[in-house]
PDB file of N, CA and C in Angstrom:
ATOM      1  N   MET A   1      21.113 -17.108  12.711  1.00  0.00           N
ATOM      2  CA  MET A   1      19.738 -17.033  13.196  1.00  0.00           C
ATOM      3  C   MET A   1      19.589 -15.780  14.063  1.00  0.00           C
ATOM      4  N   THR A   2      18.452 -15.128  13.949  1.00  0.00           N
ATOM      5  CA  THR A   2      18.174 -13.921  14.725  1.00  0.00           C
ATOM      6  C   THR A   2      16.894 -14.127  15.531  1.00  0.00           C
ATOM      7  N   ASP A   3      16.545 -13.153  16.343  1.00  0.00           N
ATOM      8  CA  ASP A   3      15.258 -13.176  17.041  1.00  0.00           C
ATOM      9  C   ASP A   3      14.199 -12.397  16.253  1.00  0.00           C
ATOM     10  N   LYS A   4      14.529 -12.010  15.027  1.00  0.00           N
ATOM     11  CA  LYS A   4      13.603 -11.241  14.194  1.00  0.00           C
ATOM     12  C   LYS A   4      12.646 -12.185  13.478  1.00  0.00           C
ATOM     13  N   VAL A   5      11.405 -11.720  13.305  1.00  0.00           N
ATOM     14  CA  VAL A   5      10.391 -12.503  12.606  1.00  0.00           C
ATOM     15  C   VAL A   5       9.581 -11.594  11.707  1.00  0.00           C
ATOM     16  N   LEU A   6       8.934 -12.226  10.754  1.00  0.00           N
ATOM     17  CA  LEU A   6       7.990 -11.573   9.867  1.00  0.00           C
ATOM     18  C   LEU A   6       6.635 -12.191  10.175  1.00  0.00           C
ATOM     19  N   VAL A   7       5.682 -11.376  10.595  1.00  0.00           N
ATOM     20  CA  VAL A   7       4.333 -11.851  10.886  1.00  0.00           C
ATOM     21  C   VAL A   7       3.464 -11.502   9.686  1.00  0.00           C
ATOM     22  N   LEU A   8       2.746 -12.481   9.169  1.00  0.00           N
ATOM     23  CA  LEU A   8       1.864 -12.271   8.027  1.00  0.00           C
ATOM     24  C   LEU A   8       0.419 -12.316   8.477  1.00  0.00           C
ATOM     25  N   THR A   9      -0.360 -11.379   7.968  1.00  0.00           N
ATOM     26  CA  THR A   9      -1.804 -11.420   8.152  1.00  0.00           C
ATOM     27  C   THR A   9      -2.441 -10.778   6.938  1.00  0.00           C
ATOM     28  N   THR A  10      -3.717 -11.021   6.754  1.00  0.00           N
ATOM     29  CA  THR A  10      -4.463 -10.383   5.680  1.00  0.00           C
ATOM     30  C   THR A  10      -5.615  -9.602   6.300  1.00  0.00           C
ATOM     31  N   ALA A  11      -6.090  -8.624   5.554  1.00  0.00           N
ATOM     32  CA  ALA A  11      -7.240  -7.822   5.982  1.00  0.00           C
ATOM     33  C   ALA A  11      -8.201  -7.694   4.806  1.00  0.00           C
ATOM     34  N   GLY A  12      -9.467  -7.537   5.119  1.00  0.00           N
ATOM     35  CA  GLY A  12     -10.489  -7.487   4.084  1.00  0.00           C
ATOM     36  C   GLY A  12     -10.684  -6.132   3.431  1.00  0.00           C
ATOM     37  N   SER A  13     -10.064  -5.091   3.990  1.00  0.00           N
ATOM     38  CA  SER A  13     -10.210  -3.752   3.409  1.00  0.00           C
ATOM     39  C   SER A  13      -8.957  -2.933   3.687  1.00  0.00           C
ATOM     40  N   ARG A  14      -8.820  -1.863   2.926  1.00  0.00           N
ATOM     41  CA  ARG A  14      -7.677  -0.973   3.124  1.00  0.00           C
ATOM     42  C   ARG A  14      -7.715  -0.334   4.508  1.00  0.00           C
ATOM     43  N   SER A  15      -8.888   0.088   4.934  1.00  0.00           N
ATOM     44  CA  SER A  15      -8.990   0.756   6.236  1.00  0.00           C
ATOM     45  C   SER A  15      -8.656  -0.204   7.377  1.00  0.00           C
ATOM     46  N   GLU A  16      -9.061  -1.459   7.267  1.00  0.00           N
ATOM     47  CA  GLU A  16      -8.727  -2.433   8.303  1.00  0.00           C
ATOM     48  C   GLU A  16      -7.222  -2.704   8.316  1.00  0.00           C
ATOM     49  N   ALA A  17      -6.616  -2.825   7.137  1.00  0.00           N
ATOM     50  CA  ALA A  17      -5.170  -3.032   7.039  1.00  0.00           C
ATOM     51  C   ALA A  17      -4.425  -1.859   7.670  1.00  0.00           C
ATOM     52  N   GLN A  18      -4.857  -0.639   7.379  1.00  0.00           N
ATOM     53  CA  GLN A  18      -4.202   0.543   7.942  1.00  0.00           C
ATOM     54  C   GLN A  18      -4.374   0.606   9.454  1.00  0.00           C
ATOM     55  N   LYS A  19      -5.544   0.233   9.935  1.00  0.00           N
ATOM     56  CA  LYS A  19      -5.809   0.265  11.376  1.00  0.00           C
ATOM     57  C   LYS A  19      -4.885  -0.707  12.118  1.00  0.00           C
ATOM     58  N   ILE A  20      -4.726  -1.903  11.585  1.00  0.00           N
ATOM     59  CA  ILE A  20      -3.854  -2.897  12.216  1.00  0.00           C
ATOM     60  C   ILE A  20      -2.399  -2.445  12.141  1.00  0.00           C
ATOM     61  N   ALA A  21      -1.961  -1.989  10.968  1.00  0.00           N
ATOM     62  CA  ALA A  21      -0.577  -1.534  10.790  1.00  0.00           C
ATOM     63  C   ALA A  21      -0.264  -0.383  11.742  1.00  0.00           C
ATOM     64  N   GLN A  22      -1.129   0.589  11.783  1.00  0.00           N
ATOM     65  CA  GLN A  22      -0.932   1.753  12.651  1.00  0.00           C
ATOM     66  C   GLN A  22      -0.838   1.339  14.117  1.00  0.00           C
ATOM     67  N   ALA A  23      -1.700   0.437  14.534  1.00  0.00           N
ATOM     68  CA  ALA A  23      -1.734   0.027  15.939  1.00  0.00           C
ATOM     69  C   ALA A  23      -0.448  -0.684  16.354  1.00  0.00           C
ATOM     70  N   VAL A  24       0.038  -1.615  15.544  1.00  0.00           N
ATOM     71  CA  VAL A  24       1.232  -2.366  15.975  1.00  0.00           C
ATOM     72  C   VAL A  24       2.484  -1.499  15.966  1.00  0.00           C
ATOM     73  N   VAL A  25       2.538  -0.510  15.072  1.00  0.00           N
ATOM     74  CA  VAL A  25       3.688   0.395  15.074  1.00  0.00           C
ATOM     75  C   VAL A  25       3.565   1.403  16.216  1.00  0.00           C
ATOM     76  N   GLU A  26       2.376   1.973  16.413  1.00  0.00           N
ATOM     77  CA  GLU A  26       2.177   2.926  17.521  1.00  0.00           C
ATOM     78  C   GLU A  26       2.478   2.287  18.869  1.00  0.00           C
ATOM     79  N   ARG A  27       2.094   1.034  19.042  1.00  0.00           N
ATOM     80  CA  ARG A  27       2.307   0.320  20.308  1.00  0.00           C
ATOM     81  C   ARG A  27       3.747  -0.194  20.444  1.00  0.00           C
ATOM     82  N   ARG A  28       4.577   0.107  19.454  1.00  0.00           N
ATOM     83  CA  ARG A  28       5.990  -0.295  19.421  1.00  0.00           C
ATOM     84  C   ARG A  28       6.151  -1.813  19.459  1.00  0.00           C
ATOM     85  N   LEU A  29       5.183  -2.511  18.851  1.00  0.00           N
ATOM     86  CA  LEU A  29       5.251  -3.958  18.728  1.00  0.00           C
ATOM     87  C   LEU A  29       5.959  -4.359  17.442  1.00  0.00           C
ATOM     88  N   ALA A  30       5.989  -3.448  16.474  1.00  0.00           N
ATOM     89  CA  ALA A  30       6.609  -3.708  15.179  1.00  0.00           C
ATOM     90  C   ALA A  30       7.387  -2.475  14.745  1.00  0.00           C
ATOM     91  N   ALA A  31       8.457  -2.722  14.001  1.00  0.00           N
ATOM     92  CA  ALA A  31       9.252  -1.620  13.466  1.00  0.00           C
ATOM     93  C   ALA A  31       8.621  -1.062  12.204  1.00  0.00           C
ATOM     94  N   CYS A  32       7.996  -1.927  11.421  1.00  0.00           N
ATOM     95  CA  CYS A  32       7.482  -1.536  10.115  1.00  0.00           C
ATOM     96  C   CYS A  32       6.417  -2.535   9.685  1.00  0.00           C
ATOM     97  N   VAL A  33       5.432  -2.045   8.960  1.00  0.00           N
ATOM     98  CA  VAL A  33       4.429  -2.912   8.351  1.00  0.00           C
ATOM     99  C   VAL A  33       4.284  -2.505   6.895  1.00  0.00           C
ATOM    100  N   ASN A  34       4.461  -3.468   5.999  1.00  0.00           N
ATOM    101  CA  ASN A  34       4.193  -3.241   4.579  1.00  0.00           C
ATOM    102  C   ASN A  34       2.810  -3.771   4.283  1.00  0.00           C
ATOM    103  N   SER A  35       2.018  -2.992   3.565  1.00  0.00           N
ATOM    104  CA  SER A  35       0.678  -3.408   3.153  1.00  0.00           C
ATOM    105  C   SER A  35       0.667  -3.570   1.642  1.00  0.00           C
ATOM    106  N   ILE A  36       0.394  -4.782   1.199  1.00  0.00           N
ATOM    107  CA  ILE A  36       0.331  -5.079  -0.231  1.00  0.00           C
ATOM    108  C   ILE A  36      -1.139  -5.141  -0.613  1.00  0.00           C
ATOM    109  N   PRO A  37      -1.581  -4.209  -1.456  1.00  0.00           N
ATOM    110  CA  PRO A  37      -3.016  -4.109  -1.735  1.00  0.00           C
ATOM    111  C   PRO A  37      -3.518  -5.132  -2.748  1.00  0.00           C
ATOM    112  N   GLN A  38      -4.767  -5.432  -2.576  1.00  0.00           N
ATOM    113  CA  GLN A  38      -5.583  -6.168  -3.533  1.00  0.00           C
ATOM    114  C   GLN A  38      -4.966  -7.462  -4.036  1.00  0.00           C
ATOM    115  N   ILE A  39      -4.575  -8.311  -3.093  1.00  0.00           N
ATOM    116  CA  ILE A  39      -4.185  -9.656  -3.471  1.00  0.00           C
ATOM    117  C   ILE A  39      -5.461 -10.479  -3.624  1.00  0.00           C
ATOM    118  N   GLN A  40      -5.407 -11.518  -4.398  1.00  0.00           N
ATOM    119  CA  GLN A  40      -6.557 -12.399  -4.574  1.00  0.00           C
ATOM    120  C   GLN A  40      -6.307 -13.660  -3.762  1.00  0.00           C
ATOM    121  N   SER A  41      -7.171 -13.952  -2.813  1.00  0.00           N
ATOM    122  CA  SER A  41      -7.036 -15.147  -1.981  1.00  0.00           C
ATOM    123  C   SER A  41      -8.126 -16.145  -2.331  1.00  0.00           C
ATOM    124  N   VAL A  42      -7.737 -17.398  -2.438  1.00  0.00           N
ATOM    125  CA  VAL A  42      -8.678 -18.506  -2.638  1.00  0.00           C
ATOM    126  C   VAL A  42      -8.450 -19.451  -1.475  1.00  0.00           C
ATOM    127  N   TYR A  43      -9.513 -19.820  -0.768  1.00  0.00           N
ATOM    128  CA  TYR A  43      -9.365 -20.597   0.459  1.00  0.00           C
ATOM    129  C   TYR A  43     -10.624 -21.417   0.727  1.00  0.00           C
ATOM    130  N   ARG A  44     -10.485 -22.410   1.578  1.00  0.00           N
ATOM    131  CA  ARG A  44     -11.628 -23.219   2.001  1.00  0.00           C
ATOM    132  C   ARG A  44     -12.112 -22.676   3.344  1.00  0.00           C
ATOM    133  N   TRP A  45     -13.403 -22.407   3.441  1.00  0.00           N
ATOM    134  CA  TRP A  45     -13.986 -21.919   4.687  1.00  0.00           C
ATOM    135  C   TRP A  45     -15.353 -22.557   4.862  1.00  0.00           C
ATOM    136  N   GLU A  46     -15.531 -23.223   5.989  1.00  0.00           N
ATOM    137  CA  GLU A  46     -16.782 -23.889   6.326  1.00  0.00           C
ATOM    138  C   GLU A  46     -17.251 -24.805   5.197  1.00  0.00           C
ATOM    139  N   GLY A  47     -16.293 -25.567   4.636  1.00  0.00           N
ATOM    140  CA  GLY A  47     -16.601 -26.575   3.640  1.00  0.00           C
ATOM    141  C   GLY A  47     -16.780 -26.081   2.217  1.00  0.00           C
ATOM    142  N   ARG A  48     -16.602 -24.781   1.997  1.00  0.00           N
ATOM    143  CA  ARG A  48     -16.774 -24.233   0.657  1.00  0.00           C
ATOM    144  C   ARG A  48     -15.499 -23.548   0.203  1.00  0.00           C
ATOM    145  N   ILE A  49     -15.294 -23.503  -1.116  1.00  0.00           N
ATOM    146  CA  ILE A  49     -14.186 -22.751  -1.692  1.00  0.00           C
ATOM    147  C   ILE A  49     -14.640 -21.298  -1.830  1.00  0.00           C
ATOM    148  N   GLU A  50     -13.875 -20.400  -1.237  1.00  0.00           N
ATOM    149  CA  GLU A  50     -14.185 -18.973  -1.258  1.00  0.00           C
ATOM    150  C   GLU A  50     -13.083 -18.221  -1.995  1.00  0.00           C
ATOM    151  N   SER A  51     -13.378 -17.004  -2.398  1.00  0.00           N
ATOM    152  CA  SER A  51     -12.420 -16.137  -3.060  1.00  0.00           C
ATOM    153  C   SER A  51     -12.675 -14.717  -2.575  1.00  0.00           C
ATOM    154  N   ALA A  52     -11.591 -13.985  -2.327  1.00  0.00           N
ATOM    155  CA  ALA A  52     -11.752 -12.610  -1.835  1.00  0.00           C
ATOM    156  C   ALA A  52     -10.530 -11.777  -2.193  1.00  0.00           C
ATOM    157  N   GLU A  53     -10.754 -10.483  -2.380  1.00  0.00           N
ATOM    158  CA  GLU A  53      -9.649  -9.531  -2.482  1.00  0.00           C
ATOM    159  C   GLU A  53      -9.284  -9.122  -1.072  1.00  0.00           C
ATOM    160  N   GLU A  54      -7.982  -9.157  -0.782  1.00  0.00           N
ATOM    161  CA  GLU A  54      -7.512  -8.830   0.552  1.00  0.00           C
ATOM    162  C   GLU A  54      -6.259  -7.972   0.460  1.00  0.00           C
ATOM    163  N   TYR A  55      -5.837  -7.488   1.612  1.00  0.00           N
ATOM    164  CA  TYR A  55      -4.586  -6.749   1.764  1.00  0.00           C
ATOM    165  C   TYR A  55      -3.665  -7.618   2.608  1.00  0.00           C
ATOM    166  N   LEU A  56      -2.445  -7.819   2.134  1.00  0.00           N
ATOM    167  CA  LEU A  56      -1.455  -8.620   2.849  1.00  0.00           C
ATOM    168  C   LEU A  56      -0.569  -7.694   3.666  1.00  0.00           C
ATOM    169  N   LEU A  57      -0.457  -7.978   4.952  1.00  0.00           N
ATOM    170  CA  LEU A  57       0.412  -7.189   5.837  1.00  0.00           C
ATOM    171  C   LEU A  57       1.647  -8.006   6.183  1.00  0.00           C
ATOM    172  N   LEU A  58       2.815  -7.383   6.014  1.00  0.00           N
ATOM    173  CA  LEU A  58       4.107  -7.955   6.386  1.00  0.00           C
ATOM    174  C   LEU A  58       4.609  -7.165   7.585  1.00  0.00           C
ATOM    175  N   ILE A  59       4.577  -7.770   8.745  1.00  0.00           N
ATOM    176  CA  ILE A  59       4.883  -7.088  10.002  1.00  0.00           C
ATOM    177  C   ILE A  59       6.271  -7.513  10.470  1.00  0.00           C
ATOM    178  N   LYS A  60       7.184  -6.546  10.589  1.00  0.00           N
ATOM    179  CA  LYS A  60       8.573  -6.821  10.978  1.00  0.00           C
ATOM    180  C   LYS A  60       8.752  -6.544  12.463  1.00  0.00           C
ATOM    181  N   THR A  61       9.165  -7.581  13.193  1.00  0.00           N
ATOM    182  CA  THR A  61       9.245  -7.471  14.638  1.00  0.00           C
ATOM    183  C   THR A  61      10.235  -8.489  15.198  1.00  0.00           C
ATOM    184  N   THR A  62      10.166  -8.701  16.508  1.00  0.00           N
ATOM    185  CA  THR A  62      10.993  -9.707  17.181  1.00  0.00           C
ATOM    186  C   THR A  62      10.090 -10.792  17.762  1.00  0.00           C
ATOM    187  N   LYS A  63      10.676 -11.944  18.029  1.00  0.00           N
ATOM    188  CA  LYS A  63       9.909 -13.079  18.563  1.00  0.00           C
ATOM    189  C   LYS A  63       9.172 -12.708  19.851  1.00  0.00           C
ATOM    190  N   GLY A  64       9.785 -11.863  20.655  1.00  0.00           N
ATOM    191  CA  GLY A  64       9.187 -11.485  21.930  1.00  0.00           C
ATOM    192  C   GLY A  64       7.894 -10.691  21.818  1.00  0.00           C
ATOM    193  N   HIS A  65       7.589 -10.181  20.633  1.00  0.00           N
ATOM    194  CA  HIS A  65       6.386  -9.368  20.451  1.00  0.00           C
ATOM    195  C   HIS A  65       5.268 -10.098  19.713  1.00  0.00           C
ATOM    196  N   VAL A  66       5.492 -11.345  19.341  1.00  0.00           N
ATOM    197  CA  VAL A  66       4.513 -12.072  18.530  1.00  0.00           C
ATOM    198  C   VAL A  66       3.173 -12.221  19.241  1.00  0.00           C
ATOM    199  N   ALA A  67       3.163 -12.606  20.501  1.00  0.00           N
ATOM    200  CA  ALA A  67       1.897 -12.809  21.222  1.00  0.00           C
ATOM    201  C   ALA A  67       1.087 -11.516  21.282  1.00  0.00           C
ATOM    202  N   GLU A  68       1.763 -10.391  21.534  1.00  0.00           N
ATOM    203  CA  GLU A  68       1.059  -9.107  21.596  1.00  0.00           C
ATOM    204  C   GLU A  68       0.532  -8.694  20.221  1.00  0.00           C
ATOM    205  N   ILE A  69       1.290  -8.995  19.175  1.00  0.00           N
ATOM    206  CA  ILE A  69       0.824  -8.685  17.821  1.00  0.00           C
ATOM    207  C   ILE A  69      -0.388  -9.539  17.486  1.00  0.00           C
ATOM    208  N   GLN A  70      -0.332 -10.817  17.816  1.00  0.00           N
ATOM    209  CA  GLN A  70      -1.485 -11.685  17.561  1.00  0.00           C
ATOM    210  C   GLN A  70      -2.717 -11.173  18.304  1.00  0.00           C
ATOM    211  N   SER A  71      -2.558 -10.762  19.545  1.00  0.00           N
ATOM    212  CA  SER A  71      -3.688 -10.213  20.318  1.00  0.00           C
ATOM    213  C   SER A  71      -4.231  -8.945  19.665  1.00  0.00           C
ATOM    214  N   THR A  72      -3.338  -8.097  19.167  1.00  0.00           N
ATOM    215  CA  THR A  72      -3.762  -6.862  18.501  1.00  0.00           C
ATOM    216  C   THR A  72      -4.521  -7.179  17.224  1.00  0.00           C
ATOM    217  N   ILE A  73      -4.026  -8.138  16.449  1.00  0.00           N
ATOM    218  CA  ILE A  73      -4.735  -8.546  15.226  1.00  0.00           C
ATOM    219  C   ILE A  73      -6.132  -9.035  15.585  1.00  0.00           C
ATOM    220  N   GLU A  74      -6.229  -9.904  16.584  1.00  0.00           N
ATOM    221  CA  GLU A  74      -7.538 -10.435  16.995  1.00  0.00           C
ATOM    222  C   GLU A  74      -8.460  -9.322  17.498  1.00  0.00           C
ATOM    223  N   GLU A  75      -7.907  -8.354  18.203  1.00  0.00           N
ATOM    224  CA  GLU A  75      -8.679  -7.227  18.749  1.00  0.00           C
ATOM    225  C   GLU A  75      -9.279  -6.359  17.639  1.00  0.00           C
ATOM    226  N   LEU A  76      -8.506  -6.097  16.592  1.00  0.00           N
ATOM    227  CA  LEU A  76      -8.905  -5.117  15.578  1.00  0.00           C
ATOM    228  C   LEU A  76      -9.477  -5.723  14.308  1.00  0.00           C
ATOM    229  N   HIS A  77      -9.400  -7.020  14.148  1.00  0.00           N
ATOM    230  CA  HIS A  77      -9.758  -7.683  12.900  1.00  0.00           C
ATOM    231  C   HIS A  77     -11.246  -8.005  12.831  1.00  0.00           C
ATOM    232  N   SER A  78     -11.791  -7.946  11.629  1.00  0.00           N
ATOM    233  CA  SER A  78     -13.201  -8.266  11.424  1.00  0.00           C
ATOM    234  C   SER A  78     -13.438  -9.753  11.170  1.00  0.00           C
ATOM    235  N   TYR A  79     -12.384 -10.501  10.832  1.00  0.00           N
ATOM    236  CA  TYR A  79     -12.552 -11.920  10.514  1.00  0.00           C
ATOM    237  C   TYR A  79     -12.767 -12.746  11.778  1.00  0.00           C
ATOM    238  N   GLU A  80     -13.549 -13.791  11.646  1.00  0.00           N
ATOM    239  CA  GLU A  80     -13.747 -14.737  12.740  1.00  0.00           C
ATOM    240  C   GLU A  80     -12.434 -15.445  13.085  1.00  0.00           C
ATOM    241  N   LEU A  81     -11.641 -15.744  12.052  1.00  0.00           N
ATOM    242  CA  LEU A  81     -10.361 -16.424  12.227  1.00  0.00           C
ATOM    243  C   LEU A  81      -9.300 -15.719  11.390  1.00  0.00           C
ATOM    244  N   PRO A  82      -8.711 -14.630  11.925  1.00  0.00           N
ATOM    245  CA  PRO A  82      -7.693 -13.911  11.146  1.00  0.00           C
ATOM    246  C   PRO A  82      -6.399 -14.702  11.021  1.00  0.00           C
ATOM    247  N   GLU A  83      -5.763 -14.548   9.883  1.00  0.00           N
ATOM    248  CA  GLU A  83      -4.460 -15.170   9.643  1.00  0.00           C
ATOM    249  C   GLU A  83      -3.412 -14.546  10.555  1.00  0.00           C
ATOM    250  N   CYS A  84      -2.547 -15.396  11.090  1.00  0.00           N
ATOM    251  CA  CYS A  84      -1.384 -14.921  11.832  1.00  0.00           C
ATOM    252  C   CYS A  84      -0.315 -15.995  11.697  1.00  0.00           C
ATOM    253  N   LEU A  85       0.586 -15.798  10.758  1.00  0.00           N
ATOM    254  CA  LEU A  85       1.687 -16.721  10.512  1.00  0.00           C
ATOM    255  C   LEU A  85       2.994 -16.025  10.855  1.00  0.00           C
ATOM    256  N   VAL A  86       3.909 -16.754  11.447  1.00  0.00           N
ATOM    257  CA  VAL A  86       5.186 -16.195  11.869  1.00  0.00           C
ATOM    258  C   VAL A  86       6.311 -16.912  11.124  1.00  0.00           C
ATOM    259  N   ILE A  87       7.145 -16.123  10.456  1.00  0.00           N
ATOM    260  CA  ILE A  87       8.271 -16.660   9.696  1.00  0.00           C
ATOM    261  C   ILE A  87       9.558 -16.139  10.324  1.00  0.00           C
ATOM    262  N   SER A  88      10.454 -17.042  10.669  1.00  0.00           N
ATOM    263  CA  SER A  88      11.736 -16.649  11.264  1.00  0.00           C
ATOM    264  C   SER A  88      12.623 -15.989  10.220  1.00  0.00           C
ATOM    265  N   VAL A  89      13.331 -14.953  10.650  1.00  0.00           N
ATOM    266  CA  VAL A  89      14.308 -14.273   9.804  1.00  0.00           C
ATOM    267  C   VAL A  89      15.672 -14.857  10.154  1.00  0.00           C
ATOM    268  N   GLU A  90      16.302 -15.493   9.199  1.00  0.00           N
ATOM    269  CA  GLU A  90      17.583 -16.161   9.431  1.00  0.00           C
ATOM    270  C   GLU A  90      18.753 -15.182   9.483  1.00  0.00           C
ATOM    271  N   GLY A  91      18.625 -14.048   8.812  1.00  0.00           N
ATOM    272  CA  GLY A  91      19.702 -13.076   8.778  1.00  0.00           C
ATOM    273  C   GLY A  91      19.253 -11.850   8.023  1.00  0.00           C
ATOM    274  N   GLY A  92      20.196 -10.968   7.755  1.00  0.00           N
ATOM    275  CA  GLY A  92      19.899  -9.745   7.029  1.00  0.00           C
ATOM    276  C   GLY A  92      20.947  -8.695   7.347  1.00  0.00           C
ATOM    277  N   SER A  93      20.727  -7.514   6.832  1.00  0.00           N
ATOM    278  CA  SER A  93      21.618  -6.395   7.087  1.00  0.00           C
ATOM    279  C   SER A  93      21.682  -6.128   8.588  1.00  0.00           C
ATOM    280  N   ALA A  94      22.891  -6.102   9.134  1.00  0.00           N
ATOM    281  CA  ALA A  94      23.059  -5.859  10.568  1.00  0.00           C
ATOM    282  C   ALA A  94      22.426  -4.536  10.984  1.00  0.00           C
ATOM    283  N   GLU A  95      22.562  -3.518  10.139  1.00  0.00           N
ATOM    284  CA  GLU A  95      21.992  -2.208  10.452  1.00  0.00           C
ATOM    285  C   GLU A  95      20.466  -2.262  10.481  1.00  0.00           C
ATOM    286  N   TYR A  96      19.869  -2.986   9.535  1.00  0.00           N
ATOM    287  CA  TYR A  96      18.403  -3.087   9.489  1.00  0.00           C
ATOM    288  C   TYR A  96      17.888  -3.880  10.686  1.00  0.00           C
ATOM    289  N   LEU A  97      18.548  -4.974  11.026  1.00  0.00           N
ATOM    290  CA  LEU A  97      18.131  -5.772  12.175  1.00  0.00           C
ATOM    291  C   LEU A  97      18.245  -4.970  13.469  1.00  0.00           C
ATOM    292  N   LYS A  98      19.278  -4.144  13.577  1.00  0.00           N
ATOM    293  CA  LYS A  98      19.404  -3.273  14.754  1.00  0.00           C
ATOM    294  C   LYS A  98      18.286  -2.240  14.785  1.00  0.00           C
ATOM    295  N   TRP A  99      17.920  -1.714  13.616  1.00  0.00           N
ATOM    296  CA  TRP A  99      16.825  -0.752  13.545  1.00  0.00           C
ATOM    297  C   TRP A  99      15.524  -1.374  14.048  1.00  0.00           C
ATOM    298  N   ILE A 100      15.281  -2.637  13.710  1.00  0.00           N
ATOM    299  CA  ILE A 100      14.088  -3.314  14.229  1.00  0.00           C
ATOM    300  C   ILE A 100      14.155  -3.332  15.763  1.00  0.00           C
ATOM    301  N   ASP A 101      15.292  -3.736  16.304  1.00  0.00           N
ATOM    302  CA  ASP A 101      15.460  -3.739  17.764  1.00  0.00           C
ATOM    303  C   ASP A 101      15.199  -2.375  18.377  1.00  0.00           C
ATOM    304  N   ASP A 102      15.768  -1.346  17.772  1.00  0.00           N
ATOM    305  CA  ASP A 102      15.629   0.007  18.304  1.00  0.00           C
ATOM    306  C   ASP A 102      14.201   0.539  18.195  1.00  0.00           C
ATOM    307  N   SER A 103      13.421  -0.003  17.285  1.00  0.00           N
ATOM    308  CA  SER A 103      12.064   0.494  17.019  1.00  0.00           C
ATOM    309  C   SER A 103      10.998  -0.141  17.887  1.00  0.00           C
ATOM    310  N   VAL A 104      11.279  -1.307  18.444  1.00  0.00           N
ATOM    311  CA  VAL A 104      10.299  -1.980  19.304  1.00  0.00           C
ATOM    312  C   VAL A 104      10.777  -1.909  20.743  1.00  0.00           C
ATOM    313  N   THR A 105       9.853  -1.979  21.680  1.00  0.00           N
ATOM    314  CA  THR A 105      10.248  -1.905  23.092  1.00  0.00           C
ATOM    315  C   THR A 105       9.958  -3.210  23.789  1.00  0.00           C
TER     316      THR A 105
END
């Protein structure tokens, strides 16, 4: 088990995804953000089934930075209720995990 986590969020546009990714890396809250374009999301919102094209962000960081990342997502996001899911990283390449540590403050 490590203190590394993967934070997932979606964005409604490429520019919003880039803005969030840039902010968390610039603020040294994340080592890396992968943006997966044009995923199709189907979800229930306010009692209706909705569908939208979104961008999925995979944010690589440590547990200690999750609250700040969530605040940054809420600050920069256009959604009323932006996604913020945290997945624990059980292991991985020792060199890559160290790079995450070295990249965040």
